[in-house]
Amino acid sequence: MKKTTVYGIILILGMSLMSGCAARGKAGSAIAGKVTEAGTGAFVEGVEIAASLADTKLSATTDSAGEYTIPNLMPGIYKLTASRVGYRTQVHEKVEVKKGKKIKLDLELFVTGGGT
């Protein structure tokens, strides 16, 4: 009985430590901003903003005010892609996210097919 209790306590402590480490790595780091149309300055709704780091990809979609936020990011160098039908895809290869920091990145998208 004592052996089982000791293993149980070790298991609980180990799980607590692991979940604490995971939470610390994501502590408040985010990428956020607004997406507007080049030439007009109009907000662009429905743009998929994807942040990729190694095998991880997180994304958000802009709202009616063109705003987006990708929360809970691990620190690192991300590739950020903004895409929507009717607009030229925009890629930022090296967006650095630091622990506990919110990066502001506003984007301008160009209309495809000879738009402004």
N, C-alpha and C. Protein backbone atom coordinates (compact mmCIF):
# COMPACT_ATOMS: atom_id res chain seq x y z
N MET A 1 0.82 -1.20 0.00
CA MET A 1 0.00 0.00 0.00
C MET A 1 0.86 1.26 0.00
N LYS A 2 1.93 1.27 0.80
CA LYS A 2 2.79 2.44 0.88
C LYS A 2 3.49 2.70 -0.46
N LYS A 3 3.90 1.63 -1.15
CA LYS A 3 4.58 1.78 -2.43
C LYS A 3 3.65 2.43 -3.46
N THR A 4 2.39 2.03 -3.47
CA THR A 4 1.39 2.59 -4.39
C THR A 4 1.18 4.07 -4.09
N THR A 5 1.11 4.44 -2.83
CA THR A 5 0.90 5.83 -2.44
C THR A 5 2.08 6.69 -2.89
N VAL A 6 3.29 6.22 -2.71
CA VAL A 6 4.48 6.96 -3.11
C VAL A 6 4.48 7.17 -4.62
N TYR A 7 4.18 6.12 -5.39
CA TYR A 7 4.13 6.25 -6.84
C TYR A 7 3.04 7.22 -7.26
N GLY A 8 1.93 7.20 -6.59
CA GLY A 8 0.84 8.13 -6.89
C GLY A 8 1.25 9.57 -6.67
N ILE A 9 1.94 9.81 -5.56
CA ILE A 9 2.41 11.17 -5.25
C ILE A 9 3.44 11.63 -6.29
N ILE A 10 4.34 10.75 -6.65
CA ILE A 10 5.35 11.09 -7.66
C ILE A 10 4.67 11.40 -9.00
N LEU A 11 3.67 10.62 -9.37
CA LEU A 11 2.95 10.84 -10.61
C LEU A 11 2.25 12.20 -10.61
N ILE A 12 1.58 12.53 -9.52
CA ILE A 12 0.87 13.81 -9.42
C ILE A 12 1.85 14.98 -9.47
N LEU A 13 2.96 14.88 -8.76
CA LEU A 13 3.97 15.95 -8.79
C LEU A 13 4.56 16.12 -10.18
N GLY A 14 4.84 15.02 -10.83
CA GLY A 14 5.40 15.08 -12.19
C GLY A 14 4.44 15.75 -13.16
N MET A 15 3.17 15.41 -13.08
CA MET A 15 2.17 16.00 -13.98
C MET A 15 2.02 17.49 -13.68
N SER A 16 2.07 17.87 -12.41
CA SER A 16 1.96 19.29 -12.04
C SER A 16 3.12 20.08 -12.61
N LEU A 17 4.33 19.55 -12.52
CA LEU A 17 5.50 20.23 -13.05
C LEU A 17 5.42 20.39 -14.56
N MET A 18 4.98 19.34 -15.26
CA MET A 18 4.89 19.40 -16.71
C MET A 18 3.85 20.42 -17.15
N SER A 19 2.70 20.46 -16.52
CA SER A 19 1.67 21.42 -16.93
C SER A 19 2.11 22.84 -16.61
N GLY A 20 2.85 23.04 -15.53
CA GLY A 20 3.38 24.36 -15.20
C GLY A 20 4.38 24.84 -16.23
N CYS A 21 5.23 23.96 -16.72
CA CYS A 21 6.22 24.33 -17.74
C CYS A 21 5.53 24.70 -19.04
N ALA A 22 4.51 23.96 -19.43
CA ALA A 22 3.79 24.25 -20.67
C ALA A 22 3.10 25.60 -20.57
N ALA A 23 2.50 25.89 -19.43
CA ALA A 23 1.80 27.17 -19.27
C ALA A 23 2.79 28.33 -19.30
N ARG A 24 3.97 28.18 -18.70
CA ARG A 24 4.96 29.26 -18.69
C ARG A 24 5.45 29.59 -20.09
N GLY A 25 5.59 28.59 -20.95
CA GLY A 25 6.08 28.82 -22.30
C GLY A 25 5.12 29.63 -23.15
N LYS A 26 3.84 29.61 -22.81
CA LYS A 26 2.83 30.31 -23.58
C LYS A 26 2.36 31.59 -22.90
N ALA A 27 2.94 31.95 -21.79
CA ALA A 27 2.47 33.03 -20.94
C ALA A 27 2.29 34.35 -21.69
N GLY A 28 1.11 34.60 -22.21
CA GLY A 28 0.78 35.89 -22.78
C GLY A 28 1.40 36.25 -24.11
N SER A 29 2.13 35.37 -24.75
CA SER A 29 2.73 35.69 -26.05
C SER A 29 1.67 35.63 -27.13
N ALA A 30 1.67 36.64 -28.02
CA ALA A 30 0.64 36.70 -29.05
C ALA A 30 1.12 37.56 -30.22
N ILE A 31 0.46 37.37 -31.36
CA ILE A 31 0.61 38.25 -32.51
C ILE A 31 -0.78 38.81 -32.79
N ALA A 32 -0.87 40.12 -32.96
CA ALA A 32 -2.16 40.76 -33.20
C ALA A 32 -1.98 41.96 -34.12
N GLY A 33 -3.07 42.37 -34.76
CA GLY A 33 -3.01 43.55 -35.61
C GLY A 33 -4.28 43.74 -36.41
N LYS A 34 -4.21 44.61 -37.42
CA LYS A 34 -5.33 44.90 -38.31
C LYS A 34 -4.91 44.63 -39.74
N VAL A 35 -5.87 44.22 -40.55
CA VAL A 35 -5.62 44.00 -41.98
C VAL A 35 -6.49 44.99 -42.75
N THR A 36 -5.82 45.76 -43.63
CA THR A 36 -6.54 46.72 -44.47
C THR A 36 -6.22 46.46 -45.93
N GLU A 37 -7.07 47.02 -46.79
CA GLU A 37 -6.87 46.89 -48.23
C GLU A 37 -5.93 48.00 -48.69
N ALA A 38 -4.90 47.62 -49.42
CA ALA A 38 -3.94 48.60 -49.96
C ALA A 38 -4.67 49.56 -50.89
N GLY A 39 -4.37 50.82 -50.75
CA GLY A 39 -4.97 51.82 -51.63
C GLY A 39 -6.21 52.46 -51.07
N THR A 40 -7.08 51.67 -50.41
CA THR A 40 -8.33 52.22 -49.88
C THR A 40 -8.30 52.37 -48.36
N GLY A 41 -7.51 51.52 -47.70
CA GLY A 41 -7.48 51.54 -46.24
C GLY A 41 -8.68 50.87 -45.58
N ALA A 42 -9.55 50.27 -46.41
CA ALA A 42 -10.73 49.59 -45.87
C ALA A 42 -10.31 48.34 -45.09
N PHE A 43 -11.01 48.07 -43.98
CA PHE A 43 -10.75 46.86 -43.21
C PHE A 43 -11.13 45.65 -44.04
N VAL A 44 -10.35 44.57 -43.92
CA VAL A 44 -10.63 43.35 -44.67
C VAL A 44 -11.03 42.27 -43.68
N GLU A 45 -12.29 41.85 -43.77
CA GLU A 45 -12.83 40.80 -42.91
C GLU A 45 -12.62 39.44 -43.56
N GLY A 46 -12.44 38.41 -42.73
CA GLY A 46 -12.35 37.04 -43.23
C GLY A 46 -10.98 36.63 -43.74
N VAL A 47 -9.94 37.36 -43.36
CA VAL A 47 -8.58 36.99 -43.76
C VAL A 47 -8.06 35.94 -42.78
N GLU A 48 -7.54 34.83 -43.31
CA GLU A 48 -6.92 33.83 -42.42
C GLU A 48 -5.48 34.24 -42.18
N ILE A 49 -5.14 34.39 -40.90
CA ILE A 49 -3.78 34.71 -40.50
C ILE A 49 -3.23 33.45 -39.83
N ALA A 50 -2.18 32.87 -40.39
CA ALA A 50 -1.61 31.63 -39.85
C ALA A 50 -0.18 31.88 -39.40
N ALA A 51 0.14 31.42 -38.19
CA ALA A 51 1.49 31.53 -37.63
C ALA A 51 2.06 30.12 -37.53
N SER A 52 3.20 29.88 -38.20
CA SER A 52 3.82 28.55 -38.23
C SER A 52 5.20 28.59 -37.57
N LEU A 53 5.43 27.59 -36.72
CA LEU A 53 6.73 27.42 -36.06
C LEU A 53 7.00 25.92 -36.03
N ALA A 54 7.99 25.47 -36.80
CA ALA A 54 8.31 24.03 -36.92
C ALA A 54 7.04 23.27 -37.33
N ASP A 55 6.59 22.33 -36.51
CA ASP A 55 5.40 21.52 -36.84
C ASP A 55 4.11 22.11 -36.28
N THR A 56 4.18 23.31 -35.72
CA THR A 56 3.02 23.92 -35.10
C THR A 56 2.45 25.02 -35.99
N LYS A 57 1.12 25.01 -36.17
CA LYS A 57 0.46 26.06 -36.95
C LYS A 57 -0.79 26.48 -36.19
N LEU A 58 -0.84 27.77 -35.85
CA LEU A 58 -2.00 28.34 -35.19
C LEU A 58 -2.55 29.43 -36.09
N SER A 59 -3.86 29.64 -36.06
CA SER A 59 -4.41 30.65 -36.95
C SER A 59 -5.58 31.39 -36.31
N ALA A 60 -5.93 32.50 -36.94
CA ALA A 60 -7.07 33.32 -36.55
C ALA A 60 -7.66 33.92 -37.82
N THR A 61 -8.87 34.42 -37.73
CA THR A 61 -9.54 35.07 -38.85
C THR A 61 -9.90 36.49 -38.45
N THR A 62 -9.68 37.44 -39.37
CA THR A 62 -10.00 38.82 -39.05
C THR A 62 -11.51 39.02 -38.89
N ASP A 63 -11.86 39.95 -37.99
CA ASP A 63 -13.28 40.26 -37.76
C ASP A 63 -13.71 41.41 -38.67
N SER A 64 -14.90 41.97 -38.44
CA SER A 64 -15.43 43.02 -39.31
C SER A 64 -14.61 44.31 -39.26
N ALA A 65 -13.80 44.49 -38.21
CA ALA A 65 -12.93 45.66 -38.10
C ALA A 65 -11.53 45.35 -38.61
N GLY A 66 -11.35 44.16 -39.24
CA GLY A 66 -10.05 43.77 -39.78
C GLY A 66 -9.06 43.32 -38.73
N GLU A 67 -9.50 43.13 -37.49
CA GLU A 67 -8.60 42.80 -36.39
C GLU A 67 -8.45 41.29 -36.21
N TYR A 68 -7.26 40.89 -35.77
CA TYR A 68 -6.98 39.48 -35.48
C TYR A 68 -6.06 39.39 -34.28
N THR A 69 -6.12 38.26 -33.59
CA THR A 69 -5.18 37.94 -32.52
C THR A 69 -4.92 36.45 -32.54
N ILE A 70 -3.65 36.07 -32.51
CA ILE A 70 -3.26 34.67 -32.36
C ILE A 70 -2.59 34.58 -30.98
N PRO A 71 -3.33 34.07 -29.97
CA PRO A 71 -2.80 34.02 -28.60
C PRO A 71 -2.05 32.72 -28.30
N ASN A 72 -1.49 32.66 -27.11
CA ASN A 72 -0.86 31.44 -26.57
C ASN A 72 0.27 30.89 -27.42
N LEU A 73 1.11 31.77 -27.93
CA LEU A 73 2.23 31.32 -28.75
C LEU A 73 3.46 31.06 -27.90
N MET A 74 4.20 30.03 -28.26
CA MET A 74 5.49 29.75 -27.64
C MET A 74 6.50 30.74 -28.22
N PRO A 75 7.50 31.13 -27.46
CA PRO A 75 8.53 32.01 -28.01
C PRO A 75 9.23 31.33 -29.19
N GLY A 76 9.61 32.13 -30.20
CA GLY A 76 10.30 31.60 -31.36
C GLY A 76 10.16 32.51 -32.56
N ILE A 77 10.68 32.07 -33.69
CA ILE A 77 10.60 32.81 -34.95
C ILE A 77 9.53 32.15 -35.81
N TYR A 78 8.46 32.89 -36.08
CA TYR A 78 7.30 32.37 -36.81
C TYR A 78 7.27 32.84 -38.25
N LYS A 79 6.65 32.03 -39.09
CA LYS A 79 6.30 32.43 -40.45
C LYS A 79 4.82 32.80 -40.40
N LEU A 80 4.49 34.03 -40.77
CA LEU A 80 3.11 34.49 -40.72
C LEU A 80 2.57 34.64 -42.13
N THR A 81 1.42 34.05 -42.39
CA THR A 81 0.80 34.09 -43.72
C THR A 81 -0.60 34.68 -43.59
N ALA A 82 -0.92 35.65 -44.45
CA ALA A 82 -2.26 36.25 -44.49
C ALA A 82 -2.86 35.96 -45.85
N SER A 83 -4.04 35.33 -45.88
CA SER A 83 -4.65 34.98 -47.17
C SER A 83 -6.16 35.09 -47.13
N ARG A 84 -6.70 35.51 -48.28
CA ARG A 84 -8.15 35.57 -48.49
C ARG A 84 -8.39 35.60 -49.99
N VAL A 85 -9.46 34.95 -50.42
CA VAL A 85 -9.82 34.93 -51.83
C VAL A 85 -10.02 36.38 -52.29
N GLY A 86 -9.45 36.70 -53.46
CA GLY A 86 -9.57 38.04 -54.02
C GLY A 86 -8.43 38.96 -53.66
N TYR A 87 -7.52 38.47 -52.81
CA TYR A 87 -6.37 39.27 -52.38
C TYR A 87 -5.09 38.47 -52.55
N ARG A 88 -4.00 39.19 -52.78
CA ARG A 88 -2.69 38.57 -52.89
C ARG A 88 -2.24 38.09 -51.50
N THR A 89 -1.79 36.86 -51.40
CA THR A 89 -1.30 36.31 -50.12
C THR A 89 -0.04 37.05 -49.71
N GLN A 90 0.04 37.35 -48.43
CA GLN A 90 1.20 38.05 -47.89
C GLN A 90 1.90 37.13 -46.89
N VAL A 91 3.23 37.05 -46.99
CA VAL A 91 4.01 36.18 -46.11
C VAL A 91 5.11 36.99 -45.43
N HIS A 92 5.21 36.82 -44.12
CA HIS A 92 6.31 37.40 -43.33
C HIS A 92 7.09 36.21 -42.78
N GLU A 93 8.31 36.04 -43.24
CA GLU A 93 9.11 34.86 -42.91
C GLU A 93 9.63 34.82 -41.47
N LYS A 94 9.96 35.97 -40.90
CA LYS A 94 10.63 35.97 -39.60
C LYS A 94 9.97 36.94 -38.63
N VAL A 95 8.94 36.47 -37.95
CA VAL A 95 8.26 37.27 -36.94
C VAL A 95 8.67 36.70 -35.58
N GLU A 96 9.44 37.47 -34.83
CA GLU A 96 9.96 36.98 -33.55
C GLU A 96 8.96 37.22 -32.42
N VAL A 97 8.61 36.15 -31.74
CA VAL A 97 7.73 36.21 -30.58
C VAL A 97 8.57 35.93 -29.35
N LYS A 98 8.51 36.86 -28.39
CA LYS A 98 9.25 36.69 -27.14
C LYS A 98 8.28 36.33 -26.02
N LYS A 99 8.78 35.64 -25.03
CA LYS A 99 7.97 35.18 -23.91
C LYS A 99 7.22 36.34 -23.25
N GLY A 100 5.91 36.19 -23.16
CA GLY A 100 5.09 37.18 -22.48
C GLY A 100 4.83 38.46 -23.25
N LYS A 101 5.22 38.54 -24.51
CA LYS A 101 5.07 39.76 -25.31
C LYS A 101 3.98 39.60 -26.36
N LYS A 102 3.29 40.71 -26.65
CA LYS A 102 2.30 40.75 -27.71
C LYS A 102 2.89 41.56 -28.86
N ILE A 103 3.06 40.93 -30.01
CA ILE A 103 3.63 41.57 -31.19
C ILE A 103 2.49 42.20 -31.98
N LYS A 104 2.63 43.49 -32.35
CA LYS A 104 1.63 44.14 -33.18
C LYS A 104 2.13 44.12 -34.62
N LEU A 105 1.33 43.54 -35.51
CA LEU A 105 1.71 43.45 -36.92
C LEU A 105 0.49 43.76 -37.78
N ASP A 106 0.41 45.01 -38.25
CA ASP A 106 -0.67 45.41 -39.15
C ASP A 106 -0.25 45.05 -40.57
N LEU A 107 -1.24 44.63 -41.38
CA LEU A 107 -0.96 44.16 -42.73
C LEU A 107 -1.82 44.89 -43.74
N GLU A 108 -1.29 45.07 -44.96
CA GLU A 108 -2.03 45.62 -46.09
C GLU A 108 -2.08 44.56 -47.18
N LEU A 109 -3.26 44.24 -47.64
CA LEU A 109 -3.40 43.25 -48.71
C LEU A 109 -3.79 43.95 -50.01
N PHE A 110 -3.23 43.46 -51.12
CA PHE A 110 -3.53 43.98 -52.43
C PHE A 110 -4.58 43.13 -53.11
N VAL A 111 -5.54 43.79 -53.74
CA VAL A 111 -6.58 43.10 -54.49
C VAL A 111 -5.92 42.43 -55.69
N THR A 112 -6.30 41.18 -55.98
CA THR A 112 -5.75 40.49 -57.15
C THR A 112 -6.48 40.94 -58.40
N GLY A 113 -5.88 40.71 -59.53
CA GLY A 113 -6.52 41.07 -60.81
C GLY A 113 -6.41 42.53 -61.17
N GLY A 114 -5.31 43.17 -60.73
CA GLY A 114 -5.08 44.57 -61.15
C GLY A 114 -5.78 45.59 -60.30
N GLY A 115 -6.18 45.24 -59.08
CA GLY A 115 -6.82 46.21 -58.19
C GLY A 115 -5.86 47.30 -57.78
N THR A 116 -6.30 48.14 -56.86
CA THR A 116 -5.53 49.31 -56.42
C THR A 116 -4.24 48.96 -55.76
